[in-house]
């Protein structure tokens, strides 16, 4: 199973933790954006954007770790549009509450999780087995 993880730079270590756990079980990460520094120009943004778009397209599954920014939500939208499975994790259940959530978090093919990051990883691995 090929996967992509969408999130923000502040979640870099959590992204790496989830990625390592999935790779340990034989799953393939399509692109590791955590190796990048923040973009320093519009051309740099474009290069990264193209790499990330391709990575989402090449994946079977997109994982989004909240909180996340615009880019992560665009990546999730691409994945949903392509019919990929999407798993959304929030350490704070309030981010999935009615007044703070997105309609797209609740459509077919999207699964939502709260709790600890370790329990989320276990749920994903069970789902992928």
C-alpha atoms as a PDB file:
ATOM      1  CA  UNK A   1       0.000   0.000   0.000  1.00  0.00           C
ATOM      2  CA  UNK A   2       1.367   3.412  -0.967  1.00  0.00           C
ATOM      3  CA  UNK A   3       0.615   6.335   1.345  1.00  0.00           C
ATOM      4  CA  UNK A   4       1.103  10.069   1.617  1.00  0.00           C
ATOM      5  CA  UNK A   5       0.942  12.048   4.867  1.00  0.00           C
ATOM      6  CA  UNK A   6      -0.399  15.598   4.779  1.00  0.00           C
ATOM      7  CA  UNK A   7       0.236  17.937   7.681  1.00  0.00           C
ATOM      8  CA  UNK A   8       2.093  21.083   8.656  1.00  0.00           C
ATOM      9  CA  UNK A   9       5.701  21.690   9.621  1.00  0.00           C
ATOM     10  CA  UNK A  10       4.738  21.872  13.297  1.00  0.00           C
ATOM     11  CA  UNK A  11       3.682  18.196  13.063  1.00  0.00           C
ATOM     12  CA  UNK A  12       6.902  17.104  11.363  1.00  0.00           C
ATOM     13  CA  UNK A  13       7.903  14.651  14.109  1.00  0.00           C
ATOM     14  CA  UNK A  14       4.426  13.090  14.229  1.00  0.00           C
ATOM     15  CA  UNK A  15       4.521  12.666  10.438  1.00  0.00           C
ATOM     16  CA  UNK A  16       7.868  10.917  10.731  1.00  0.00           C
ATOM     17  CA  UNK A  17       6.551   8.657  13.512  1.00  0.00           C
ATOM     18  CA  UNK A  18       3.498   7.579  11.507  1.00  0.00           C
ATOM     19  CA  UNK A  19       5.568   7.111   8.372  1.00  0.00           C
ATOM     20  CA  UNK A  20       8.120   4.924  10.160  1.00  0.00           C
ATOM     21  CA  UNK A  21       5.388   2.715  11.628  1.00  0.00           C
ATOM     22  CA  UNK A  22       3.740   2.186   8.240  1.00  0.00           C
ATOM     23  CA  UNK A  23       7.036   1.597   6.448  1.00  0.00           C
ATOM     24  CA  UNK A  24       8.023  -0.941   9.107  1.00  0.00           C
ATOM     25  CA  UNK A  25       4.955  -2.950   8.011  1.00  0.00           C
ATOM     26  CA  UNK A  26       5.978  -2.788   4.340  1.00  0.00           C
ATOM     27  CA  UNK A  27       3.913   0.195   3.180  1.00  0.00           C
ATOM     28  CA  UNK A  28       5.556   2.729   0.851  1.00  0.00           C
ATOM     29  CA  UNK A  29       5.598   6.480   1.376  1.00  0.00           C
ATOM     30  CA  UNK A  30       5.207   8.292  -1.951  1.00  0.00           C
ATOM     31  CA  UNK A  31       6.966  11.468  -0.799  1.00  0.00           C
ATOM     32  CA  UNK A  32       8.560  12.623   2.442  1.00  0.00           C
ATOM     33  CA  UNK A  33       8.094  16.368   2.553  1.00  0.00           C
ATOM     34  CA  UNK A  34       9.578  16.494   6.075  1.00  0.00           C
ATOM     35  CA  UNK A  35      13.010  16.410   4.438  1.00  0.00           C
ATOM     36  CA  UNK A  36      12.323  19.863   2.936  1.00  0.00           C
ATOM     37  CA  UNK A  37      12.996  23.253   4.397  1.00  0.00           C
ATOM     38  CA  UNK A  38      10.308  25.898   4.087  1.00  0.00           C
ATOM     39  CA  UNK A  39      10.081  27.205   0.527  1.00  0.00           C
ATOM     40  CA  UNK A  40      12.083  30.362  -0.075  1.00  0.00           C
ATOM     41  CA  UNK A  41      10.621  31.496  -3.418  1.00  0.00           C
ATOM     42  CA  UNK A  42       7.639  31.062  -5.695  1.00  0.00           C
ATOM     43  CA  UNK A  43       9.651  28.724  -7.940  1.00  0.00           C
ATOM     44  CA  UNK A  44      10.525  26.607  -4.904  1.00  0.00           C
ATOM     45  CA  UNK A  45       6.848  26.513  -3.891  1.00  0.00           C
ATOM     46  CA  UNK A  46       5.931  25.383  -7.402  1.00  0.00           C
ATOM     47  CA  UNK A  47       8.514  22.550  -7.382  1.00  0.00           C
ATOM     48  CA  UNK A  48       7.333  21.307  -4.006  1.00  0.00           C
ATOM     49  CA  UNK A  49       3.687  21.616  -5.042  1.00  0.00           C
ATOM     50  CA  UNK A  50       4.264  19.510  -8.153  1.00  0.00           C
ATOM     51  CA  UNK A  51       6.097  16.846  -6.138  1.00  0.00           C
ATOM     52  CA  UNK A  52       3.329  16.736  -3.560  1.00  0.00           C
ATOM     53  CA  UNK A  53       0.563  16.612  -6.185  1.00  0.00           C
ATOM     54  CA  UNK A  54       2.293  13.673  -7.878  1.00  0.00           C
ATOM     55  CA  UNK A  55       2.806  11.943  -4.528  1.00  0.00           C
ATOM     56  CA  UNK A  56      -0.884  12.254  -3.657  1.00  0.00           C
ATOM     57  CA  UNK A  57      -1.848  10.944  -7.104  1.00  0.00           C
ATOM     58  CA  UNK A  58       0.546   7.998  -6.737  1.00  0.00           C
ATOM     59  CA  UNK A  59      -0.778   7.045  -3.296  1.00  0.00           C
ATOM     60  CA  UNK A  60      -3.509   4.585  -2.393  1.00  0.00           C
ATOM     61  CA  UNK A  61      -4.168   6.335   0.899  1.00  0.00           C
ATOM     62  CA  UNK A  62      -3.773   9.843   2.286  1.00  0.00           C
ATOM     63  CA  UNK A  63      -3.324  10.444   5.989  1.00  0.00           C
ATOM     64  CA  UNK A  64      -3.905  13.960   7.287  1.00  0.00           C
ATOM     65  CA  UNK A  65      -2.637  14.842  10.739  1.00  0.00           C
ATOM     66  CA  UNK A  66      -4.445  17.808  12.255  1.00  0.00           C
ATOM     67  CA  UNK A  67      -3.974  20.610  12.893  1.00  0.00           C
ATOM     68  CA  UNK A  68      -3.069  21.202   9.258  1.00  0.00           C
ATOM     69  CA  UNK A  69      -3.074  24.149   6.911  1.00  0.00           C
ATOM     70  CA  UNK A  70      -4.379  25.028   3.468  1.00  0.00           C
ATOM     71  CA  UNK A  71      -1.904  22.836   1.607  1.00  0.00           C
ATOM     72  CA  UNK A  72      -2.851  19.716   3.543  1.00  0.00           C
ATOM     73  CA  UNK A  73      -6.528  20.317   2.897  1.00  0.00           C
ATOM     74  CA  UNK A  74      -5.870  20.787  -0.811  1.00  0.00           C
ATOM     75  CA  UNK A  75      -3.926  17.505  -0.810  1.00  0.00           C
ATOM     76  CA  UNK A  76      -6.852  15.800   0.931  1.00  0.00           C
ATOM     77  CA  UNK A  77      -9.188  17.269  -1.688  1.00  0.00           C
ATOM     78  CA  UNK A  78      -7.038  15.879  -4.481  1.00  0.00           C
ATOM     79  CA  UNK A  79      -7.062  12.460  -2.812  1.00  0.00           C
ATOM     80  CA  UNK A  80     -10.848  12.540  -2.329  1.00  0.00           C
ATOM     81  CA  UNK A  81     -11.328  13.621  -5.938  1.00  0.00           C
ATOM     82  CA  UNK A  82      -9.184  10.711  -7.114  1.00  0.00           C
ATOM     83  CA  UNK A  83     -11.167   8.260  -4.996  1.00  0.00           C
ATOM     84  CA  UNK A  84      -8.326   7.554  -2.561  1.00  0.00           C
ATOM     85  CA  UNK A  85      -8.984   6.555   1.011  1.00  0.00           C
ATOM     86  CA  UNK A  86      -8.397   9.371   3.483  1.00  0.00           C
ATOM     87  CA  UNK A  87      -7.680   9.016   7.204  1.00  0.00           C
ATOM     88  CA  UNK A  88      -7.854  12.150   9.327  1.00  0.00           C
ATOM     89  CA  UNK A  89      -6.312  12.228  12.792  1.00  0.00           C
ATOM     90  CA  UNK A  90      -6.844  14.909  15.406  1.00  0.00           C
ATOM     91  CA  UNK A  91      -5.370  14.814  18.903  1.00  0.00           C
ATOM     92  CA  UNK A  92      -8.161  17.222  19.876  1.00  0.00           C
ATOM     93  CA  UNK A  93     -11.704  15.867  19.377  1.00  0.00           C
ATOM     94  CA  UNK A  94     -12.968  19.455  19.205  1.00  0.00           C
ATOM     95  CA  UNK A  95     -11.358  19.846  15.762  1.00  0.00           C
ATOM     96  CA  UNK A  96     -13.865  17.293  14.484  1.00  0.00           C
ATOM     97  CA  UNK A  97     -16.858  18.881  16.217  1.00  0.00           C
ATOM     98  CA  UNK A  98     -19.761  20.251  14.182  1.00  0.00           C
ATOM     99  CA  UNK A  99     -18.773  23.915  14.455  1.00  0.00           C
ATOM    100  CA  UNK A 100     -15.070  23.420  13.637  1.00  0.00           C
ATOM    101  CA  UNK A 101     -15.055  20.680  11.030  1.00  0.00           C
ATOM    102  CA  UNK A 102     -15.372  20.385   7.267  1.00  0.00           C
ATOM    103  CA  UNK A 103     -18.144  18.731   5.313  1.00  0.00           C
ATOM    104  CA  UNK A 104     -15.453  16.798   3.462  1.00  0.00           C
ATOM    105  CA  UNK A 105     -14.320  15.105   6.670  1.00  0.00           C
ATOM    106  CA  UNK A 106     -17.653  13.247   6.621  1.00  0.00           C
ATOM    107  CA  UNK A 107     -18.001  11.970   3.073  1.00  0.00           C
ATOM    108  CA  UNK A 108     -17.638   8.407   1.800  1.00  0.00           C
ATOM    109  CA  UNK A 109     -14.052   7.148   1.912  1.00  0.00           C
ATOM    110  CA  UNK A 110     -12.949   9.460   4.734  1.00  0.00           C
ATOM    111  CA  UNK A 111     -12.336   8.088   8.227  1.00  0.00           C
ATOM    112  CA  UNK A 112     -11.804  10.254  11.301  1.00  0.00           C
ATOM    113  CA  UNK A 113      -9.812   9.389  14.404  1.00  0.00           C
ATOM    114  CA  UNK A 114      -9.064  11.046  17.753  1.00  0.00           C
ATOM    115  CA  UNK A 115      -7.052   9.889  20.734  1.00  0.00           C
ATOM    116  CA  UNK A 116      -3.359   9.174  20.959  1.00  0.00           C
ATOM    117  CA  UNK A 117      -1.142   9.091  17.897  1.00  0.00           C
ATOM    118  CA  UNK A 118      -0.088   5.525  18.770  1.00  0.00           C
ATOM    119  CA  UNK A 119      -3.715   4.338  18.870  1.00  0.00           C
ATOM    120  CA  UNK A 120      -4.325   6.050  15.529  1.00  0.00           C
ATOM    121  CA  UNK A 121      -1.361   4.253  13.956  1.00  0.00           C
ATOM    122  CA  UNK A 122      -2.668   0.924  15.256  1.00  0.00           C
ATOM    123  CA  UNK A 123      -6.121   1.643  13.794  1.00  0.00           C
ATOM    124  CA  UNK A 124      -4.592   2.480  10.407  1.00  0.00           C
ATOM    125  CA  UNK A 125      -2.478  -0.685  10.413  1.00  0.00           C
ATOM    126  CA  UNK A 126      -5.519  -2.807  11.310  1.00  0.00           C
ATOM    127  CA  UNK A 127      -7.498  -1.159   8.507  1.00  0.00           C
ATOM    128  CA  UNK A 128      -4.687  -1.820   6.005  1.00  0.00           C
ATOM    129  CA  UNK A 129      -4.247  -5.470   7.006  1.00  0.00           C
END
